[in-house]
Every structure is written in structure tokens, then in C-alpha cells.
Amino acid sequence: MKSLRPAGLITAAIVLIVDQLAKYAVTGPLGIDHLGAVREITSFFALRFVPNVGVSLGLFPADSEMMRWSLVGLTAAIAVGVLVWMTREKSRQDQIALGFVLGGALGNILDRVRFGYVVDFADLHFGEWRPFLVFNVADAAITIGVLVLLVRALLVRDKTKNVRGAENAPVENMNA
């Protein structure tokens, strides 16, 4: 494994800390720590406690200890894969995007280990219409990181690479 990339690791650490502090503030001092607990912040945003025992969108609920720890293991394996990718990534922007994904994954893993569920609390809504499920800082970071990686992979091309991927490769004389 190559040397660790500080930009991605620093980003992951910041995301993890902000995620855990936000969850602590909501469930601790603000007391939004049980189903039904809600605090309206604006007409379109509320803090609402939702214990998420599943994965994204509440799919595949981990409703047993075996499922809970299997989900922890699977998520940890994905986090390790992201870390390995980060150590090999040369692009600083991609390292930072991977840091968002890693930090978010670690925040949700920590919740699942400590509580058996992920603490979701951010409820963005417009009247009764909710474009997202209730989420948290970690979920937002993962989404942002993945979107940045996708946009960069699909829309931002390195102009110095040829078809084979070699940078500044000499062009061979076809008439030789």
C-alpha cells in the first residue's frame, strides 16, 4: 500500500467528528432521543429522531444481532476498500471525495456498534412533501462524496492522457 493521503484522511476525520457531534447535540442537549421527538427549526426543516436499523433508505433492516453485526462487517469492509482506494488515488479532489465517503461510513458504523442503529435526525420537507428520508451528517457526506466521484469520472476528463492512459506518451510515427 502506498503512503496515506492526508487530504482524504483529514476530510474523513472532520466528517466523523462533525457527524458524531451533531448526533450528540440532537440526542443529548436537545433531547430529541426517542421516536416522535421533533423540533421544528424552519417551515422546511425539522430535527426528528429516527433510529435507522437498515441500510440506505431503510432497506434490509438488521432486526437481529446477527444481521446487525453482519451489516457492521459489510460496511467496515466497504470502508476498508474506500481507504485502500484513497491511498492509491493521485487526484486530491478524489481523495477528498473519498474522505467524505469514508468519514460518513465510519460515523454510521460507530452508531451501529454503539446503539444497534444509525441515528438519523435531519428532516428536510416542503409541506408534507419530503424529497429525502430523514438523514444525518454521515449520510449527506457519503452522498456528496459519491456524487463528486461520479461527476469527476463522467464529466471531468484528464486532457493529458491518451486512450491507453499513459500521460504525455510520445506519438509513434505511423509511416516508419
N, C-alpha and C. Protein backbone atom coordinates (compact mmCIF):
# COMPACT_ATOMS: atom_id res chain seq x y z
N MET A 1 0.84 -1.17 0.00
CA MET A 1 0.00 0.00 0.00
C MET A 1 0.89 1.23 0.00
N LYS A 2 0.52 2.22 -0.81
CA LYS A 2 1.30 3.44 -0.89
C LYS A 2 1.08 4.28 0.36
N SER A 3 1.81 5.37 0.45
CA SER A 3 1.67 6.23 1.62
C SER A 3 0.25 6.78 1.73
N LEU A 4 -0.18 7.00 2.96
CA LEU A 4 -1.51 7.51 3.20
C LEU A 4 -1.65 8.92 2.67
N ARG A 5 -2.83 9.25 2.18
CA ARG A 5 -3.10 10.55 1.60
C ARG A 5 -3.72 11.45 2.66
N PRO A 6 -3.01 12.48 3.12
CA PRO A 6 -3.52 13.29 4.24
C PRO A 6 -4.80 14.04 3.93
N ALA A 7 -5.01 14.52 2.71
CA ALA A 7 -6.23 15.29 2.41
C ALA A 7 -7.48 14.45 2.65
N GLY A 8 -7.47 13.22 2.19
CA GLY A 8 -8.62 12.34 2.37
C GLY A 8 -8.80 11.94 3.82
N LEU A 9 -7.70 11.64 4.50
CA LEU A 9 -7.79 11.24 5.91
C LEU A 9 -8.26 12.38 6.79
N ILE A 10 -7.77 13.59 6.52
CA ILE A 10 -8.21 14.75 7.30
C ILE A 10 -9.70 15.00 7.05
N THR A 11 -10.12 14.90 5.80
CA THR A 11 -11.54 15.07 5.48
C THR A 11 -12.38 14.02 6.20
N ALA A 12 -11.94 12.77 6.18
CA ALA A 12 -12.68 11.69 6.85
C ALA A 12 -12.79 11.98 8.35
N ALA A 13 -11.70 12.42 8.97
CA ALA A 13 -11.72 12.71 10.40
C ALA A 13 -12.68 13.86 10.72
N ILE A 14 -12.66 14.91 9.90
CA ILE A 14 -13.56 16.05 10.12
C ILE A 14 -15.02 15.61 9.99
N VAL A 15 -15.33 14.84 8.94
CA VAL A 15 -16.70 14.36 8.74
C VAL A 15 -17.14 13.51 9.92
N LEU A 16 -16.29 12.60 10.37
CA LEU A 16 -16.62 11.73 11.51
C LEU A 16 -16.90 12.57 12.76
N ILE A 17 -16.06 13.54 13.05
CA ILE A 17 -16.23 14.36 14.24
C ILE A 17 -17.50 15.21 14.15
N VAL A 18 -17.72 15.86 13.01
CA VAL A 18 -18.92 16.69 12.85
C VAL A 18 -20.18 15.83 12.95
N ASP A 19 -20.15 14.66 12.33
CA ASP A 19 -21.30 13.74 12.40
C ASP A 19 -21.61 13.36 13.84
N GLN A 20 -20.60 12.93 14.57
CA GLN A 20 -20.84 12.48 15.94
C GLN A 20 -21.24 13.64 16.86
N LEU A 21 -20.66 14.82 16.66
CA LEU A 21 -21.06 15.99 17.45
C LEU A 21 -22.51 16.38 17.17
N ALA A 22 -22.91 16.35 15.90
CA ALA A 22 -24.29 16.68 15.55
C ALA A 22 -25.27 15.69 16.18
N LYS A 23 -24.94 14.40 16.10
CA LYS A 23 -25.81 13.38 16.69
C LYS A 23 -25.88 13.54 18.20
N TYR A 24 -24.75 13.86 18.82
CA TYR A 24 -24.74 14.08 20.27
C TYR A 24 -25.60 15.30 20.62
N ALA A 25 -25.45 16.40 19.88
CA ALA A 25 -26.22 17.61 20.17
C ALA A 25 -27.72 17.36 20.06
N VAL A 26 -28.12 16.63 19.03
CA VAL A 26 -29.54 16.37 18.82
C VAL A 26 -30.09 15.44 19.90
N THR A 27 -29.39 14.35 20.18
CA THR A 27 -29.93 13.37 21.13
C THR A 27 -29.61 13.70 22.58
N GLY A 28 -28.59 14.52 22.81
CA GLY A 28 -28.20 14.89 24.18
C GLY A 28 -28.85 16.18 24.62
N PRO A 29 -28.15 17.30 24.45
CA PRO A 29 -28.66 18.58 24.93
C PRO A 29 -30.05 18.96 24.40
N LEU A 30 -30.34 18.64 23.13
CA LEU A 30 -31.66 18.99 22.58
C LEU A 30 -32.74 17.99 22.97
N GLY A 31 -32.35 16.82 23.46
CA GLY A 31 -33.31 15.83 23.96
C GLY A 31 -34.19 15.17 22.91
N ILE A 32 -33.75 15.19 21.67
CA ILE A 32 -34.52 14.54 20.59
C ILE A 32 -33.96 13.13 20.47
N ASP A 33 -34.42 12.25 21.37
CA ASP A 33 -33.77 10.94 21.51
C ASP A 33 -34.74 9.76 21.54
N HIS A 34 -35.98 9.98 21.10
CA HIS A 34 -36.95 8.88 21.07
C HIS A 34 -37.92 9.11 19.91
N LEU A 35 -38.51 8.04 19.44
CA LEU A 35 -39.47 8.14 18.34
C LEU A 35 -40.56 9.14 18.70
N GLY A 36 -40.89 9.98 17.77
CA GLY A 36 -41.90 11.00 18.00
C GLY A 36 -41.33 12.33 18.44
N ALA A 37 -40.07 12.35 18.86
CA ALA A 37 -39.44 13.60 19.29
C ALA A 37 -39.08 14.42 18.06
N VAL A 38 -39.60 15.66 18.00
CA VAL A 38 -39.41 16.54 16.84
C VAL A 38 -39.23 17.97 17.33
N ARG A 39 -38.33 18.68 16.66
CA ARG A 39 -38.20 20.12 16.89
C ARG A 39 -38.18 20.80 15.54
N GLU A 40 -39.21 21.59 15.26
CA GLU A 40 -39.28 22.34 14.01
C GLU A 40 -38.28 23.49 14.08
N ILE A 41 -37.41 23.58 13.09
CA ILE A 41 -36.41 24.64 13.03
C ILE A 41 -36.90 25.75 12.10
N THR A 42 -37.36 25.37 10.93
CA THR A 42 -37.95 26.30 9.96
C THR A 42 -39.19 25.63 9.39
N SER A 43 -39.85 26.31 8.47
CA SER A 43 -41.03 25.72 7.84
C SER A 43 -40.69 24.54 6.95
N PHE A 44 -39.40 24.37 6.64
CA PHE A 44 -39.00 23.28 5.75
C PHE A 44 -37.93 22.34 6.33
N PHE A 45 -37.54 22.58 7.59
CA PHE A 45 -36.52 21.72 8.19
C PHE A 45 -36.83 21.48 9.66
N ALA A 46 -36.76 20.20 10.05
CA ALA A 46 -37.00 19.83 11.44
C ALA A 46 -35.94 18.83 11.89
N LEU A 47 -35.75 18.78 13.19
CA LEU A 47 -34.93 17.74 13.78
C LEU A 47 -35.89 16.68 14.28
N ARG A 48 -35.73 15.46 13.79
CA ARG A 48 -36.67 14.37 14.09
C ARG A 48 -35.86 13.10 14.34
N PHE A 49 -36.02 12.49 15.50
CA PHE A 49 -35.27 11.28 15.84
C PHE A 49 -35.83 10.08 15.08
N VAL A 50 -34.96 9.42 14.33
CA VAL A 50 -35.33 8.19 13.63
C VAL A 50 -34.18 7.19 13.79
N PRO A 51 -34.40 6.09 14.51
CA PRO A 51 -33.36 5.06 14.60
C PRO A 51 -33.42 4.18 13.35
N ASN A 52 -32.39 4.24 12.52
CA ASN A 52 -32.38 3.50 11.26
C ASN A 52 -31.63 2.18 11.46
N VAL A 53 -32.37 1.08 11.47
CA VAL A 53 -31.75 -0.23 11.65
C VAL A 53 -31.36 -0.88 10.32
N GLY A 54 -31.70 -0.23 9.22
CA GLY A 54 -31.38 -0.78 7.91
C GLY A 54 -30.23 -0.05 7.26
N VAL A 55 -30.07 -0.28 5.97
CA VAL A 55 -29.05 0.44 5.21
C VAL A 55 -29.75 1.60 4.52
N SER A 56 -29.17 2.15 3.49
CA SER A 56 -29.75 3.29 2.79
C SER A 56 -31.24 3.10 2.53
N LEU A 57 -31.97 4.15 2.76
CA LEU A 57 -33.42 4.18 2.57
C LEU A 57 -34.15 3.20 3.49
N GLY A 58 -33.50 2.76 4.55
CA GLY A 58 -34.11 1.83 5.49
C GLY A 58 -34.26 0.42 4.94
N LEU A 59 -33.59 0.12 3.84
CA LEU A 59 -33.68 -1.20 3.24
C LEU A 59 -32.93 -2.22 4.08
N PHE A 60 -33.28 -3.46 3.94
CA PHE A 60 -32.61 -4.58 4.60
C PHE A 60 -32.44 -4.34 6.10
N PRO A 61 -33.54 -4.26 6.83
CA PRO A 61 -33.43 -3.98 8.27
C PRO A 61 -32.63 -5.06 9.00
N ALA A 62 -31.73 -4.62 9.85
CA ALA A 62 -30.92 -5.52 10.68
C ALA A 62 -31.67 -5.69 11.99
N ASP A 63 -32.67 -6.56 11.97
CA ASP A 63 -33.55 -6.71 13.13
C ASP A 63 -33.15 -7.85 14.06
N SER A 64 -31.94 -8.36 13.88
CA SER A 64 -31.40 -9.36 14.80
C SER A 64 -29.93 -9.01 15.05
N GLU A 65 -29.37 -9.57 16.11
CA GLU A 65 -27.96 -9.31 16.41
C GLU A 65 -27.05 -9.80 15.28
N MET A 66 -27.39 -10.94 14.70
CA MET A 66 -26.57 -11.46 13.61
C MET A 66 -26.61 -10.51 12.41
N MET A 67 -27.79 -10.01 12.08
CA MET A 67 -27.92 -9.07 10.97
C MET A 67 -27.20 -7.75 11.27
N ARG A 68 -27.32 -7.30 12.53
CA ARG A 68 -26.66 -6.06 12.93
C ARG A 68 -25.15 -6.16 12.71
N TRP A 69 -24.54 -7.22 13.23
CA TRP A 69 -23.09 -7.37 13.12
C TRP A 69 -22.65 -7.72 11.71
N SER A 70 -23.51 -8.39 10.96
CA SER A 70 -23.21 -8.63 9.54
C SER A 70 -23.17 -7.31 8.78
N LEU A 71 -24.10 -6.43 9.10
CA LEU A 71 -24.14 -5.12 8.47
C LEU A 71 -22.93 -4.28 8.87
N VAL A 72 -22.52 -4.38 10.14
CA VAL A 72 -21.30 -3.69 10.58
C VAL A 72 -20.10 -4.23 9.80
N GLY A 73 -20.00 -5.53 9.67
CA GLY A 73 -18.88 -6.14 8.94
C GLY A 73 -18.86 -5.75 7.48
N LEU A 74 -20.02 -5.79 6.83
CA LEU A 74 -20.11 -5.41 5.42
C LEU A 74 -19.72 -3.94 5.23
N THR A 75 -20.27 -3.08 6.07
CA THR A 75 -19.96 -1.65 5.96
C THR A 75 -18.48 -1.39 6.25
N ALA A 76 -17.93 -2.10 7.21
CA ALA A 76 -16.50 -1.95 7.53
C ALA A 76 -15.64 -2.42 6.35
N ALA A 77 -16.03 -3.50 5.69
CA ALA A 77 -15.28 -3.98 4.53
C ALA A 77 -15.32 -2.94 3.40
N ILE A 78 -16.46 -2.30 3.21
CA ILE A 78 -16.57 -1.25 2.20
C ILE A 78 -15.68 -0.07 2.59
N ALA A 79 -15.68 0.29 3.87
CA ALA A 79 -14.83 1.39 4.36
C ALA A 79 -13.35 1.08 4.13
N VAL A 80 -12.95 -0.15 4.36
CA VAL A 80 -11.55 -0.54 4.10
C VAL A 80 -11.24 -0.41 2.61
N GLY A 81 -12.18 -0.82 1.77
CA GLY A 81 -12.00 -0.68 0.32
C GLY A 81 -11.84 0.78 -0.08
N VAL A 82 -12.64 1.66 0.52
CA VAL A 82 -12.53 3.10 0.24
C VAL A 82 -11.17 3.62 0.71
N LEU A 83 -10.72 3.16 1.88
CA LEU A 83 -9.41 3.58 2.39
C LEU A 83 -8.28 3.14 1.46
N VAL A 84 -8.34 1.91 0.98
CA VAL A 84 -7.32 1.42 0.05
C VAL A 84 -7.34 2.25 -1.23
N TRP A 85 -8.54 2.51 -1.75
CA TRP A 85 -8.67 3.34 -2.95
C TRP A 85 -8.05 4.72 -2.69
N MET A 86 -8.35 5.28 -1.52
CA MET A 86 -7.84 6.60 -1.17
C MET A 86 -6.31 6.63 -1.16
N THR A 87 -5.69 5.57 -0.65
CA THR A 87 -4.23 5.53 -0.57
C THR A 87 -3.58 5.43 -1.95
N ARG A 88 -4.33 4.96 -2.91
CA ARG A 88 -3.79 4.81 -4.26
C ARG A 88 -4.18 5.96 -5.19
N GLU A 89 -5.14 6.77 -4.75
CA GLU A 89 -5.65 7.86 -5.58
C GLU A 89 -4.66 9.02 -5.64
N LYS A 90 -4.39 9.49 -6.86
CA LYS A 90 -3.46 10.60 -7.03
C LYS A 90 -4.17 11.95 -7.02
N SER A 91 -5.40 11.99 -7.42
CA SER A 91 -6.15 13.24 -7.50
C SER A 91 -6.57 13.71 -6.11
N ARG A 92 -6.18 14.92 -5.76
CA ARG A 92 -6.54 15.48 -4.45
C ARG A 92 -8.06 15.61 -4.31
N GLN A 93 -8.75 16.00 -5.39
CA GLN A 93 -10.21 16.13 -5.34
C GLN A 93 -10.87 14.78 -5.06
N ASP A 94 -10.37 13.74 -5.70
CA ASP A 94 -10.93 12.41 -5.47
C ASP A 94 -10.58 11.91 -4.06
N GLN A 95 -9.40 12.24 -3.57
CA GLN A 95 -9.03 11.86 -2.19
C GLN A 95 -10.01 12.50 -1.20
N ILE A 96 -10.33 13.78 -1.41
CA ILE A 96 -11.25 14.47 -0.52
C ILE A 96 -12.65 13.88 -0.63
N ALA A 97 -13.10 13.58 -1.85
CA ALA A 97 -14.41 12.95 -2.03
C ALA A 97 -14.45 11.59 -1.33
N LEU A 98 -13.39 10.82 -1.46
CA LEU A 98 -13.31 9.53 -0.77
C LEU A 98 -13.27 9.73 0.74
N GLY A 99 -12.66 10.82 1.20
CA GLY A 99 -12.67 11.15 2.63
C GLY A 99 -14.09 11.40 3.13
N PHE A 100 -14.91 12.07 2.32
CA PHE A 100 -16.33 12.27 2.69
C PHE A 100 -17.02 10.92 2.84
N VAL A 101 -16.80 10.02 1.89
CA VAL A 101 -17.43 8.69 1.94
C VAL A 101 -16.92 7.91 3.16
N LEU A 102 -15.62 7.90 3.38
CA LEU A 102 -15.04 7.15 4.49
C LEU A 102 -15.50 7.71 5.84
N GLY A 103 -15.45 9.01 6.00
CA GLY A 103 -15.88 9.63 7.26
C GLY A 103 -17.34 9.34 7.56
N GLY A 104 -18.18 9.42 6.53
CA GLY A 104 -19.60 9.11 6.71
C GLY A 104 -19.82 7.65 7.07
N ALA A 105 -19.12 6.78 6.38
CA ALA A 105 -19.25 5.35 6.68
C ALA A 105 -18.83 5.05 8.12
N LEU A 106 -17.72 5.65 8.54
CA LEU A 106 -17.25 5.42 9.91
C LEU A 106 -18.24 5.96 10.95
N GLY A 107 -18.84 7.11 10.67
CA GLY A 107 -19.84 7.66 11.59
C GLY A 107 -21.03 6.74 11.76
N ASN A 108 -21.51 6.19 10.66
CA ASN A 108 -22.65 5.28 10.73
C ASN A 108 -22.27 3.94 11.34
N ILE A 109 -21.06 3.46 11.07
CA ILE A 109 -20.59 2.22 11.69
C ILE A 109 -20.52 2.40 13.20
N LEU A 110 -19.97 3.51 13.64
CA LEU A 110 -19.86 3.78 15.07
C LEU A 110 -21.23 3.77 15.75
N ASP A 111 -22.21 4.39 15.11
CA ASP A 111 -23.58 4.36 15.65
C ASP A 111 -24.09 2.93 15.77
N ARG A 112 -23.92 2.18 14.70
CA ARG A 112 -24.46 0.81 14.68
C ARG A 112 -23.79 -0.05 15.75
N VAL A 113 -22.49 0.15 15.98
CA VAL A 113 -21.78 -0.60 17.02
C VAL A 113 -22.28 -0.18 18.40
N ARG A 114 -22.40 1.13 18.63
CA ARG A 114 -22.78 1.65 19.95
C ARG A 114 -24.25 1.43 20.29
N PHE A 115 -25.15 1.67 19.31
CA PHE A 115 -26.58 1.68 19.61
C PHE A 115 -27.37 0.54 18.96
N GLY A 116 -26.82 -0.07 17.93
CA GLY A 116 -27.56 -1.09 17.19
C GLY A 116 -28.35 -0.49 16.05
N TYR A 117 -28.28 0.81 15.85
CA TYR A 117 -28.96 1.52 14.77
C TYR A 117 -28.17 2.79 14.47
N VAL A 118 -28.50 3.40 13.35
CA VAL A 118 -27.89 4.68 12.97
C VAL A 118 -28.85 5.78 13.37
N VAL A 119 -28.33 6.82 14.02
CA VAL A 119 -29.14 7.95 14.44
C VAL A 119 -29.35 8.88 13.24
N ASP A 120 -30.59 8.97 12.76
CA ASP A 120 -30.96 9.91 11.71
C ASP A 120 -31.79 11.01 12.35
N PHE A 121 -31.63 12.24 11.89
CA PHE A 121 -32.33 13.34 12.55
C PHE A 121 -32.69 14.51 11.64
N ALA A 122 -32.10 14.65 10.48
CA ALA A 122 -32.35 15.80 9.61
C ALA A 122 -33.55 15.52 8.72
N ASP A 123 -34.59 16.32 8.89
CA ASP A 123 -35.84 16.12 8.15
C ASP A 123 -36.10 17.35 7.28
N LEU A 124 -35.71 17.26 6.01
CA LEU A 124 -35.96 18.33 5.05
C LEU A 124 -37.31 18.07 4.41
N HIS A 125 -38.20 19.04 4.50
CA HIS A 125 -39.55 18.83 3.95
C HIS A 125 -40.12 20.15 3.45
N PHE A 126 -41.03 20.04 2.51
CA PHE A 126 -41.73 21.20 1.95
C PHE A 126 -43.21 20.89 2.07
N GLY A 127 -43.82 21.37 3.15
CA GLY A 127 -45.17 20.96 3.48
C GLY A 127 -45.12 19.50 3.89
N GLU A 128 -45.92 18.70 3.26
CA GLU A 128 -45.92 17.26 3.54
C GLU A 128 -44.96 16.49 2.63
N TRP A 129 -44.44 17.17 1.61
CA TRP A 129 -43.55 16.51 0.66
C TRP A 129 -42.14 16.45 1.23
N ARG A 130 -41.60 15.25 1.28
CA ARG A 130 -40.25 15.01 1.78
C ARG A 130 -39.41 14.40 0.65
N PRO A 131 -38.54 15.22 0.04
CA PRO A 131 -37.73 14.70 -1.07
C PRO A 131 -36.70 13.68 -0.61
N PHE A 132 -36.39 13.66 0.68
CA PHE A 132 -35.42 12.70 1.23
C PHE A 132 -36.03 12.08 2.47
N LEU A 133 -35.54 10.90 2.80
CA LEU A 133 -35.86 10.34 4.10
C LEU A 133 -35.09 11.13 5.14
N VAL A 134 -35.43 10.95 6.40
CA VAL A 134 -34.68 11.59 7.47
C VAL A 134 -33.26 11.05 7.40
N PHE A 135 -32.27 11.94 7.50
CA PHE A 135 -30.87 11.55 7.30
C PHE A 135 -30.00 12.18 8.37
N ASN A 136 -28.68 12.04 8.23
CA ASN A 136 -27.73 12.62 9.18
C ASN A 136 -26.53 13.18 8.41
N VAL A 137 -25.58 13.74 9.13
CA VAL A 137 -24.39 14.32 8.51
C VAL A 137 -23.62 13.25 7.73
N ALA A 138 -23.48 12.06 8.30
CA ALA A 138 -22.74 10.98 7.63
C ALA A 138 -23.39 10.62 6.30
N ASP A 139 -24.72 10.51 6.28
CA ASP A 139 -25.43 10.19 5.04
C ASP A 139 -25.19 11.27 3.99
N ALA A 140 -25.27 12.54 4.41
CA ALA A 140 -25.05 13.65 3.49
C ALA A 140 -23.63 13.62 2.94
N ALA A 141 -22.66 13.34 3.80
CA ALA A 141 -21.26 13.29 3.37
C ALA A 141 -21.03 12.16 2.36
N ILE A 142 -21.59 11.00 2.63
CA ILE A 142 -21.45 9.87 1.70
C ILE A 142 -22.05 10.25 0.34
N THR A 143 -23.24 10.84 0.35
CA THR A 143 -23.91 11.23 -0.88
C THR A 143 -23.09 12.26 -1.65
N ILE A 144 -22.59 13.27 -0.96
CA ILE A 144 -21.76 14.30 -1.61
C ILE A 144 -20.50 13.68 -2.18
N GLY A 145 -19.82 12.84 -1.42
CA GLY A 145 -18.60 12.18 -1.89
C GLY A 145 -18.84 11.35 -3.13
N VAL A 146 -19.88 10.55 -3.12
CA VAL A 146 -20.20 9.70 -4.28
C VAL A 146 -20.56 10.55 -5.49
N LEU A 147 -21.34 11.61 -5.28
CA LEU A 147 -21.71 12.48 -6.41
C LEU A 147 -20.48 13.16 -7.01
N VAL A 148 -19.57 13.63 -6.18
CA VAL A 148 -18.34 14.25 -6.69
C VAL A 148 -17.53 13.23 -7.50
N LEU A 149 -17.40 12.02 -6.96
CA LEU A 149 -16.66 10.98 -7.69
C LEU A 149 -17.32 10.67 -9.04
N LEU A 150 -18.65 10.57 -9.05
CA LEU A 150 -19.37 10.29 -10.30
C LEU A 150 -19.22 11.42 -11.31
N VAL A 151 -19.40 12.65 -10.86
CA VAL A 151 -19.27 13.79 -11.76
C VAL A 151 -17.86 13.85 -12.33
N ARG A 152 -16.87 13.67 -11.48
CA ARG A 152 -15.48 13.72 -11.95
C ARG A 152 -15.19 12.56 -12.91
N ALA A 153 -15.74 11.39 -12.64
CA ALA A 153 -15.48 10.24 -13.51
C ALA A 153 -16.18 10.39 -14.86
N LEU A 154 -17.38 10.96 -14.84
CA LEU A 154 -18.16 11.03 -16.07
C LEU A 154 -17.96 12.31 -16.87
N LEU A 155 -17.68 13.41 -16.20
CA LEU A 155 -17.64 14.70 -16.89
C LEU A 155 -16.28 15.38 -16.93
N VAL A 156 -15.43 15.06 -15.99
CA VAL A 156 -14.12 15.72 -15.94
C VAL A 156 -13.08 14.73 -16.43
N ARG A 157 -12.55 15.00 -17.59
CA ARG A 157 -11.55 14.10 -18.19
C ARG A 157 -10.18 14.74 -18.09
N ASP A 158 -9.16 13.92 -17.83
CA ASP A 158 -7.80 14.41 -17.82
C ASP A 158 -7.35 14.56 -19.27
N LYS A 159 -7.13 15.78 -19.70
CA LYS A 159 -6.82 16.07 -21.10
C LYS A 159 -5.43 15.60 -21.52
N THR A 160 -4.56 15.29 -20.55
CA THR A 160 -3.19 14.90 -20.91
C THR A 160 -3.04 13.42 -21.16
N LYS A 161 -4.09 12.66 -20.95
CA LYS A 161 -3.97 11.20 -21.12
C LYS A 161 -4.47 10.80 -22.50
N ASN A 162 -3.78 9.84 -23.09
CA ASN A 162 -4.26 9.32 -24.37
C ASN A 162 -5.19 8.13 -24.10
N VAL A 163 -5.59 7.45 -25.12
CA VAL A 163 -6.55 6.36 -24.99
C VAL A 163 -6.05 5.26 -24.06
N ARG A 164 -4.76 4.97 -24.07
CA ARG A 164 -4.22 3.91 -23.23
C ARG A 164 -4.00 4.38 -21.79
N GLY A 165 -4.14 5.67 -21.50
CA GLY A 165 -3.98 6.17 -20.15
C GLY A 165 -2.57 6.62 -19.81
N ALA A 166 -1.64 6.54 -20.75
CA ALA A 166 -0.27 6.97 -20.48
C ALA A 166 -0.20 8.48 -20.62
N GLU A 167 0.34 9.14 -19.61
CA GLU A 167 0.45 10.59 -19.66
C GLU A 167 1.56 11.01 -20.60
N ASN A 168 1.26 11.99 -21.43
CA ASN A 168 2.24 12.59 -22.33
C ASN A 168 3.04 11.55 -23.11
N ALA A 169 2.38 10.49 -23.49
CA ALA A 169 3.06 9.42 -24.25
C ALA A 169 3.43 9.96 -25.63
N PRO A 170 4.61 9.59 -26.12
CA PRO A 170 5.00 10.05 -27.47
C PRO A 170 4.13 9.36 -28.52
N VAL A 171 3.84 10.10 -29.55
CA VAL A 171 3.04 9.54 -30.65
C VAL A 171 4.01 8.88 -31.62
N GLU A 172 3.72 7.63 -31.95
CA GLU A 172 4.60 6.91 -32.84
C GLU A 172 4.35 7.34 -34.27
N ASN A 173 5.40 7.32 -35.07
CA ASN A 173 5.31 7.67 -36.47
C ASN A 173 4.70 6.50 -37.21
N MET A 174 3.55 6.69 -37.80
CA MET A 174 2.85 5.62 -38.49
C MET A 174 3.50 5.28 -39.82
N ASN A 175 4.34 6.17 -40.38
CA ASN A 175 4.96 5.95 -41.68
C ASN A 175 6.30 5.26 -41.57
N ALA A 176 6.77 4.96 -40.39
CA ALA A 176 8.11 4.37 -40.23
C ALA A 176 8.15 2.94 -40.67
